[in-house]
Every structure is written in structure tokens, then in C-alpha cells.
Amino acid sequence: MKRFYELSKLQKQRQSIGKSYLEFLRVPMMSAGLYNLPAGSTDPQKPHKEDEIYYVVRGRARIRIGDDDQPVAAGTIIFVEAAAKHGFYKIEEDLELLVFFAPAES
């Protein structure tokens, strides 16, 4: 099992597959990925069955989780509990996020 990752290599790999999400780690109790939303785009997410943590690597946007609404930027850490309706919007700068699911995303 791979234990070490470099963000720049993950970014290139995500770009090469042409998708907004690249899962790079999966074990039974956790999964992790790199998620990208271009400026001006819409976040297509639906609630997940798993708890989730986002770490904003770069970019600026807003996130709504249930009735909570807040701006996010590089360095922000966000917790979203399982089944919570959530999404990023008003994406002002390309948003790049590290995403962690526990247990692994189904």
C-alpha cells in the first residue's frame, strides 16, 4: 500500500484523467481524494453517507452546510457530517480541495 503522496503529482494525475475528483487512497475506514472546481462552476455534490473533511489547498468560494454558510480560502478546514446537504458556490478562484471520507466513500 502506498503511504506517501505529493500534491503536485496528484494534481497532474487528476488533470490527466479529465475529472474533477481523483480518489488516491482507499482503506475500509477511510478514503481520500483531490477535488477541483473551476471558478464560476457549480458544485454537483449530493449528501454522502460518510463523514467528510475538506482542506482547501487553494482558491476562494463559499460553502453552505445545512443552514450554515461561510467563505472559504486556502487553509480552511471544513467538517461535513454524514447526510448533511452541502455544496460550494460563488467559486471566485479555482477551488482545489483535499477530501477525506470516514468510513471510505461508498
N, C-alpha and C. Protein backbone atom coordinates (compact mmCIF):
# COMPACT_ATOMS: atom_id res chain seq x y z
N MET A 1 0.84 -1.18 0.00
CA MET A 1 0.00 0.00 0.00
C MET A 1 0.89 1.25 0.00
N LYS A 2 0.50 2.21 -0.81
CA LYS A 2 1.24 3.46 -0.88
C LYS A 2 0.96 4.29 0.37
N ARG A 3 2.00 4.89 0.94
CA ARG A 3 1.86 5.66 2.18
C ARG A 3 2.17 7.14 2.02
N PHE A 4 2.84 7.52 0.95
CA PHE A 4 3.25 8.91 0.77
C PHE A 4 2.76 9.43 -0.57
N TYR A 5 2.32 10.67 -0.59
CA TYR A 5 1.77 11.28 -1.80
C TYR A 5 2.32 12.70 -1.94
N GLU A 6 2.50 13.14 -3.16
CA GLU A 6 2.92 14.51 -3.44
C GLU A 6 1.77 15.22 -4.15
N LEU A 7 1.37 16.35 -3.61
CA LEU A 7 0.24 17.08 -4.14
C LEU A 7 0.43 17.40 -5.63
N SER A 8 1.62 17.82 -6.03
CA SER A 8 1.83 18.19 -7.44
C SER A 8 1.60 16.99 -8.36
N LYS A 9 1.99 15.81 -7.93
CA LYS A 9 1.76 14.61 -8.75
C LYS A 9 0.28 14.24 -8.78
N LEU A 10 -0.41 14.41 -7.67
CA LEU A 10 -1.85 14.15 -7.65
C LEU A 10 -2.59 15.12 -8.56
N GLN A 11 -2.17 16.39 -8.55
CA GLN A 11 -2.79 17.39 -9.41
C GLN A 11 -2.64 17.01 -10.88
N LYS A 12 -1.45 16.59 -11.28
CA LYS A 12 -1.21 16.18 -12.67
C LYS A 12 -2.03 14.95 -13.02
N GLN A 13 -2.10 14.01 -12.11
CA GLN A 13 -2.87 12.80 -12.36
C GLN A 13 -4.36 13.12 -12.52
N ARG A 14 -4.90 14.00 -11.65
CA ARG A 14 -6.31 14.39 -11.76
C ARG A 14 -6.56 15.07 -13.09
N GLN A 15 -5.67 15.97 -13.49
CA GLN A 15 -5.83 16.67 -14.77
C GLN A 15 -5.77 15.71 -15.94
N SER A 16 -4.89 14.71 -15.86
CA SER A 16 -4.72 13.77 -16.99
C SER A 16 -5.95 12.90 -17.21
N ILE A 17 -6.72 12.63 -16.16
CA ILE A 17 -7.94 11.82 -16.34
C ILE A 17 -9.14 12.68 -16.72
N GLY A 18 -8.99 14.01 -16.61
CA GLY A 18 -10.04 14.92 -17.04
C GLY A 18 -11.28 14.91 -16.16
N LYS A 19 -11.14 14.56 -14.90
CA LYS A 19 -12.27 14.55 -13.98
C LYS A 19 -12.02 15.53 -12.85
N SER A 20 -13.10 15.96 -12.19
CA SER A 20 -12.95 16.91 -11.10
C SER A 20 -12.51 16.25 -9.80
N TYR A 21 -12.65 14.90 -9.69
CA TYR A 21 -12.29 14.21 -8.44
C TYR A 21 -11.38 13.03 -8.74
N LEU A 22 -10.32 12.94 -7.98
CA LEU A 22 -9.38 11.83 -8.06
C LEU A 22 -9.26 11.21 -6.68
N GLU A 23 -9.74 9.98 -6.53
CA GLU A 23 -9.52 9.27 -5.28
C GLU A 23 -8.11 8.70 -5.32
N PHE A 24 -7.32 8.98 -4.28
CA PHE A 24 -5.95 8.47 -4.28
C PHE A 24 -5.67 7.52 -3.13
N LEU A 25 -6.62 7.37 -2.22
CA LEU A 25 -6.44 6.45 -1.10
C LEU A 25 -7.77 5.81 -0.74
N ARG A 26 -7.75 4.49 -0.52
CA ARG A 26 -8.96 3.80 -0.07
C ARG A 26 -8.56 2.65 0.82
N VAL A 27 -9.02 2.70 2.05
CA VAL A 27 -8.94 1.60 3.00
C VAL A 27 -10.36 1.51 3.59
N PRO A 28 -10.70 0.42 4.26
CA PRO A 28 -12.07 0.27 4.72
C PRO A 28 -12.62 1.42 5.57
N MET A 29 -11.81 2.00 6.41
CA MET A 29 -12.32 3.02 7.33
C MET A 29 -12.11 4.46 6.85
N MET A 30 -11.51 4.64 5.65
CA MET A 30 -11.26 6.00 5.18
C MET A 30 -10.93 5.98 3.69
N SER A 31 -11.31 7.05 3.01
CA SER A 31 -10.83 7.27 1.65
C SER A 31 -10.46 8.75 1.53
N ALA A 32 -9.61 9.06 0.55
CA ALA A 32 -9.16 10.43 0.37
C ALA A 32 -9.06 10.73 -1.12
N GLY A 33 -9.30 11.99 -1.46
CA GLY A 33 -9.21 12.38 -2.86
C GLY A 33 -8.88 13.85 -3.01
N LEU A 34 -8.66 14.23 -4.25
CA LEU A 34 -8.38 15.61 -4.63
C LEU A 34 -9.55 16.05 -5.50
N TYR A 35 -10.18 17.17 -5.11
CA TYR A 35 -11.39 17.67 -5.78
C TYR A 35 -11.11 19.07 -6.29
N ASN A 36 -11.49 19.34 -7.54
CA ASN A 36 -11.25 20.64 -8.16
C ASN A 36 -12.55 21.18 -8.74
N LEU A 37 -12.83 22.44 -8.43
CA LEU A 37 -13.98 23.14 -9.00
C LEU A 37 -13.47 24.44 -9.61
N PRO A 38 -13.59 24.59 -10.94
CA PRO A 38 -13.12 25.82 -11.58
C PRO A 38 -13.94 27.04 -11.16
N ALA A 39 -13.31 28.21 -11.22
CA ALA A 39 -14.01 29.47 -10.92
C ALA A 39 -15.27 29.56 -11.76
N GLY A 40 -16.37 29.97 -11.13
CA GLY A 40 -17.63 30.14 -11.83
C GLY A 40 -18.44 28.87 -12.01
N SER A 41 -17.90 27.73 -11.62
CA SER A 41 -18.62 26.46 -11.82
C SER A 41 -19.62 26.22 -10.69
N THR A 42 -20.38 25.15 -10.85
CA THR A 42 -21.37 24.73 -9.87
C THR A 42 -20.94 23.39 -9.28
N ASP A 43 -21.03 23.25 -7.98
CA ASP A 43 -20.68 22.02 -7.29
C ASP A 43 -21.84 21.04 -7.41
N PRO A 44 -21.65 19.88 -8.07
CA PRO A 44 -22.74 18.94 -8.30
C PRO A 44 -22.98 17.94 -7.16
N GLN A 45 -22.31 18.09 -6.04
CA GLN A 45 -22.39 17.09 -4.97
C GLN A 45 -23.79 16.90 -4.41
N LYS A 46 -24.00 15.70 -3.93
CA LYS A 46 -25.19 15.33 -3.17
C LYS A 46 -24.70 14.90 -1.79
N PRO A 47 -25.57 14.86 -0.77
CA PRO A 47 -25.13 14.39 0.54
C PRO A 47 -24.52 12.99 0.46
N HIS A 48 -23.55 12.75 1.33
CA HIS A 48 -22.84 11.47 1.38
C HIS A 48 -23.29 10.69 2.61
N LYS A 49 -23.06 9.40 2.59
CA LYS A 49 -23.36 8.53 3.73
C LYS A 49 -22.26 8.59 4.78
N GLU A 50 -21.15 9.21 4.44
CA GLU A 50 -19.96 9.23 5.30
C GLU A 50 -19.69 10.64 5.83
N ASP A 51 -19.02 10.71 6.98
CA ASP A 51 -18.50 12.00 7.44
C ASP A 51 -17.39 12.41 6.48
N GLU A 52 -17.17 13.72 6.41
CA GLU A 52 -16.24 14.22 5.39
C GLU A 52 -15.48 15.42 5.95
N ILE A 53 -14.21 15.50 5.61
CA ILE A 53 -13.39 16.68 5.93
C ILE A 53 -12.79 17.19 4.63
N TYR A 54 -12.88 18.51 4.44
CA TYR A 54 -12.24 19.18 3.31
C TYR A 54 -11.10 20.04 3.85
N TYR A 55 -10.00 20.07 3.11
CA TYR A 55 -8.93 21.03 3.36
C TYR A 55 -8.77 21.83 2.08
N VAL A 56 -8.94 23.15 2.17
CA VAL A 56 -8.82 24.00 0.98
C VAL A 56 -7.35 24.25 0.70
N VAL A 57 -6.88 23.71 -0.42
CA VAL A 57 -5.48 23.87 -0.83
C VAL A 57 -5.29 25.24 -1.47
N ARG A 58 -6.23 25.61 -2.35
CA ARG A 58 -6.16 26.93 -2.99
C ARG A 58 -7.54 27.31 -3.47
N GLY A 59 -7.73 28.60 -3.74
CA GLY A 59 -8.99 29.10 -4.27
C GLY A 59 -9.81 29.84 -3.23
N ARG A 60 -10.93 30.39 -3.71
CA ARG A 60 -11.87 31.11 -2.84
C ARG A 60 -13.28 30.81 -3.30
N ALA A 61 -14.16 30.57 -2.32
CA ALA A 61 -15.55 30.28 -2.61
C ALA A 61 -16.35 30.44 -1.31
N ARG A 62 -17.60 30.02 -1.38
CA ARG A 62 -18.43 29.91 -0.19
C ARG A 62 -18.91 28.47 -0.11
N ILE A 63 -19.23 28.03 1.10
CA ILE A 63 -19.83 26.71 1.28
C ILE A 63 -21.07 26.87 2.16
N ARG A 64 -22.08 26.11 1.81
CA ARG A 64 -23.29 26.05 2.61
C ARG A 64 -23.42 24.61 3.09
N ILE A 65 -23.57 24.46 4.41
CA ILE A 65 -23.80 23.15 5.02
C ILE A 65 -25.07 23.31 5.84
N GLY A 66 -26.16 22.70 5.37
CA GLY A 66 -27.45 22.92 6.02
C GLY A 66 -27.77 24.40 6.01
N ASP A 67 -27.95 25.00 7.20
CA ASP A 67 -28.24 26.44 7.31
C ASP A 67 -26.98 27.27 7.52
N ASP A 68 -25.82 26.62 7.69
CA ASP A 68 -24.56 27.34 7.89
C ASP A 68 -23.96 27.74 6.54
N ASP A 69 -23.44 28.95 6.48
CA ASP A 69 -22.87 29.47 5.25
C ASP A 69 -21.62 30.25 5.61
N GLN A 70 -20.51 29.98 4.88
CA GLN A 70 -19.26 30.65 5.23
C GLN A 70 -18.34 30.74 4.02
N PRO A 71 -17.52 31.82 3.96
CA PRO A 71 -16.49 31.86 2.92
C PRO A 71 -15.36 30.91 3.27
N VAL A 72 -14.69 30.39 2.24
CA VAL A 72 -13.53 29.52 2.44
C VAL A 72 -12.41 29.98 1.52
N ALA A 73 -11.18 29.72 1.96
CA ALA A 73 -9.99 30.07 1.19
C ALA A 73 -8.88 29.11 1.60
N ALA A 74 -7.74 29.21 0.95
CA ALA A 74 -6.61 28.34 1.26
C ALA A 74 -6.38 28.28 2.76
N GLY A 75 -6.24 27.06 3.28
CA GLY A 75 -6.01 26.85 4.70
C GLY A 75 -7.25 26.53 5.51
N THR A 76 -8.44 26.73 4.94
CA THR A 76 -9.67 26.42 5.66
C THR A 76 -9.87 24.91 5.75
N ILE A 77 -10.30 24.45 6.91
CA ILE A 77 -10.65 23.04 7.14
C ILE A 77 -12.14 23.00 7.45
N ILE A 78 -12.85 22.10 6.77
CA ILE A 78 -14.31 22.05 6.86
C ILE A 78 -14.75 20.63 7.22
N PHE A 79 -15.63 20.50 8.20
CA PHE A 79 -16.21 19.21 8.55
C PHE A 79 -17.66 19.18 8.10
N VAL A 80 -18.04 18.10 7.40
CA VAL A 80 -19.43 17.90 6.98
C VAL A 80 -19.86 16.53 7.49
N GLU A 81 -20.87 16.52 8.35
CA GLU A 81 -21.35 15.26 8.89
C GLU A 81 -22.12 14.47 7.83
N ALA A 82 -22.15 13.16 8.01
CA ALA A 82 -22.85 12.27 7.07
C ALA A 82 -24.28 12.75 6.86
N ALA A 83 -24.73 12.68 5.62
CA ALA A 83 -26.10 13.01 5.19
C ALA A 83 -26.42 14.50 5.17
N ALA A 84 -25.48 15.36 5.54
CA ALA A 84 -25.75 16.80 5.52
C ALA A 84 -25.74 17.33 4.09
N LYS A 85 -26.75 18.12 3.76
CA LYS A 85 -26.78 18.77 2.45
C LYS A 85 -25.71 19.87 2.46
N HIS A 86 -24.86 19.87 1.43
CA HIS A 86 -23.76 20.84 1.39
C HIS A 86 -23.31 21.08 -0.04
N GLY A 87 -22.63 22.19 -0.25
CA GLY A 87 -22.07 22.48 -1.56
C GLY A 87 -21.32 23.79 -1.57
N PHE A 88 -20.35 23.86 -2.46
CA PHE A 88 -19.58 25.08 -2.68
C PHE A 88 -20.29 25.90 -3.74
N TYR A 89 -20.23 27.22 -3.60
CA TYR A 89 -20.85 28.11 -4.58
C TYR A 89 -20.10 29.44 -4.58
N LYS A 90 -20.47 30.33 -5.48
CA LYS A 90 -19.73 31.59 -5.67
C LYS A 90 -18.23 31.31 -5.69
N ILE A 91 -17.85 30.40 -6.55
CA ILE A 91 -16.45 30.00 -6.67
C ILE A 91 -15.72 31.09 -7.44
N GLU A 92 -15.00 31.93 -6.70
CA GLU A 92 -14.34 33.11 -7.28
C GLU A 92 -13.00 32.76 -7.92
N GLU A 93 -12.28 31.81 -7.33
CA GLU A 93 -10.98 31.36 -7.84
C GLU A 93 -11.02 29.84 -7.87
N ASP A 94 -10.36 29.23 -8.86
CA ASP A 94 -10.33 27.76 -8.94
C ASP A 94 -10.13 27.19 -7.54
N LEU A 95 -11.00 26.27 -7.18
CA LEU A 95 -11.01 25.70 -5.83
C LEU A 95 -10.41 24.30 -5.89
N GLU A 96 -9.36 24.08 -5.10
CA GLU A 96 -8.74 22.77 -5.02
C GLU A 96 -8.81 22.31 -3.58
N LEU A 97 -9.35 21.10 -3.38
CA LEU A 97 -9.62 20.59 -2.04
C LEU A 97 -9.08 19.19 -1.85
N LEU A 98 -8.49 18.94 -0.70
CA LEU A 98 -8.22 17.58 -0.27
C LEU A 98 -9.47 17.14 0.47
N VAL A 99 -9.95 15.93 0.18
CA VAL A 99 -11.20 15.44 0.76
C VAL A 99 -10.93 14.11 1.44
N PHE A 100 -11.44 13.98 2.67
CA PHE A 100 -11.27 12.75 3.44
C PHE A 100 -12.65 12.26 3.87
N PHE A 101 -12.96 11.00 3.57
CA PHE A 101 -14.22 10.39 3.97
C PHE A 101 -13.94 9.31 5.02
N ALA A 102 -14.82 9.24 6.03
CA ALA A 102 -14.71 8.16 7.02
C ALA A 102 -16.13 7.67 7.35
N PRO A 103 -16.39 6.38 7.16
CA PRO A 103 -15.54 5.38 6.51
C PRO A 103 -15.36 5.72 5.04
N ALA A 104 -14.70 4.83 4.28
CA ALA A 104 -14.46 5.07 2.86
C ALA A 104 -15.76 5.39 2.13
N GLU A 105 -15.69 6.32 1.20
CA GLU A 105 -16.88 6.72 0.43
C GLU A 105 -17.46 5.53 -0.30
N SER A 106 -18.78 5.39 -0.20
CA SER A 106 -19.43 4.27 -0.90
C SER A 106 -20.04 4.70 -2.20
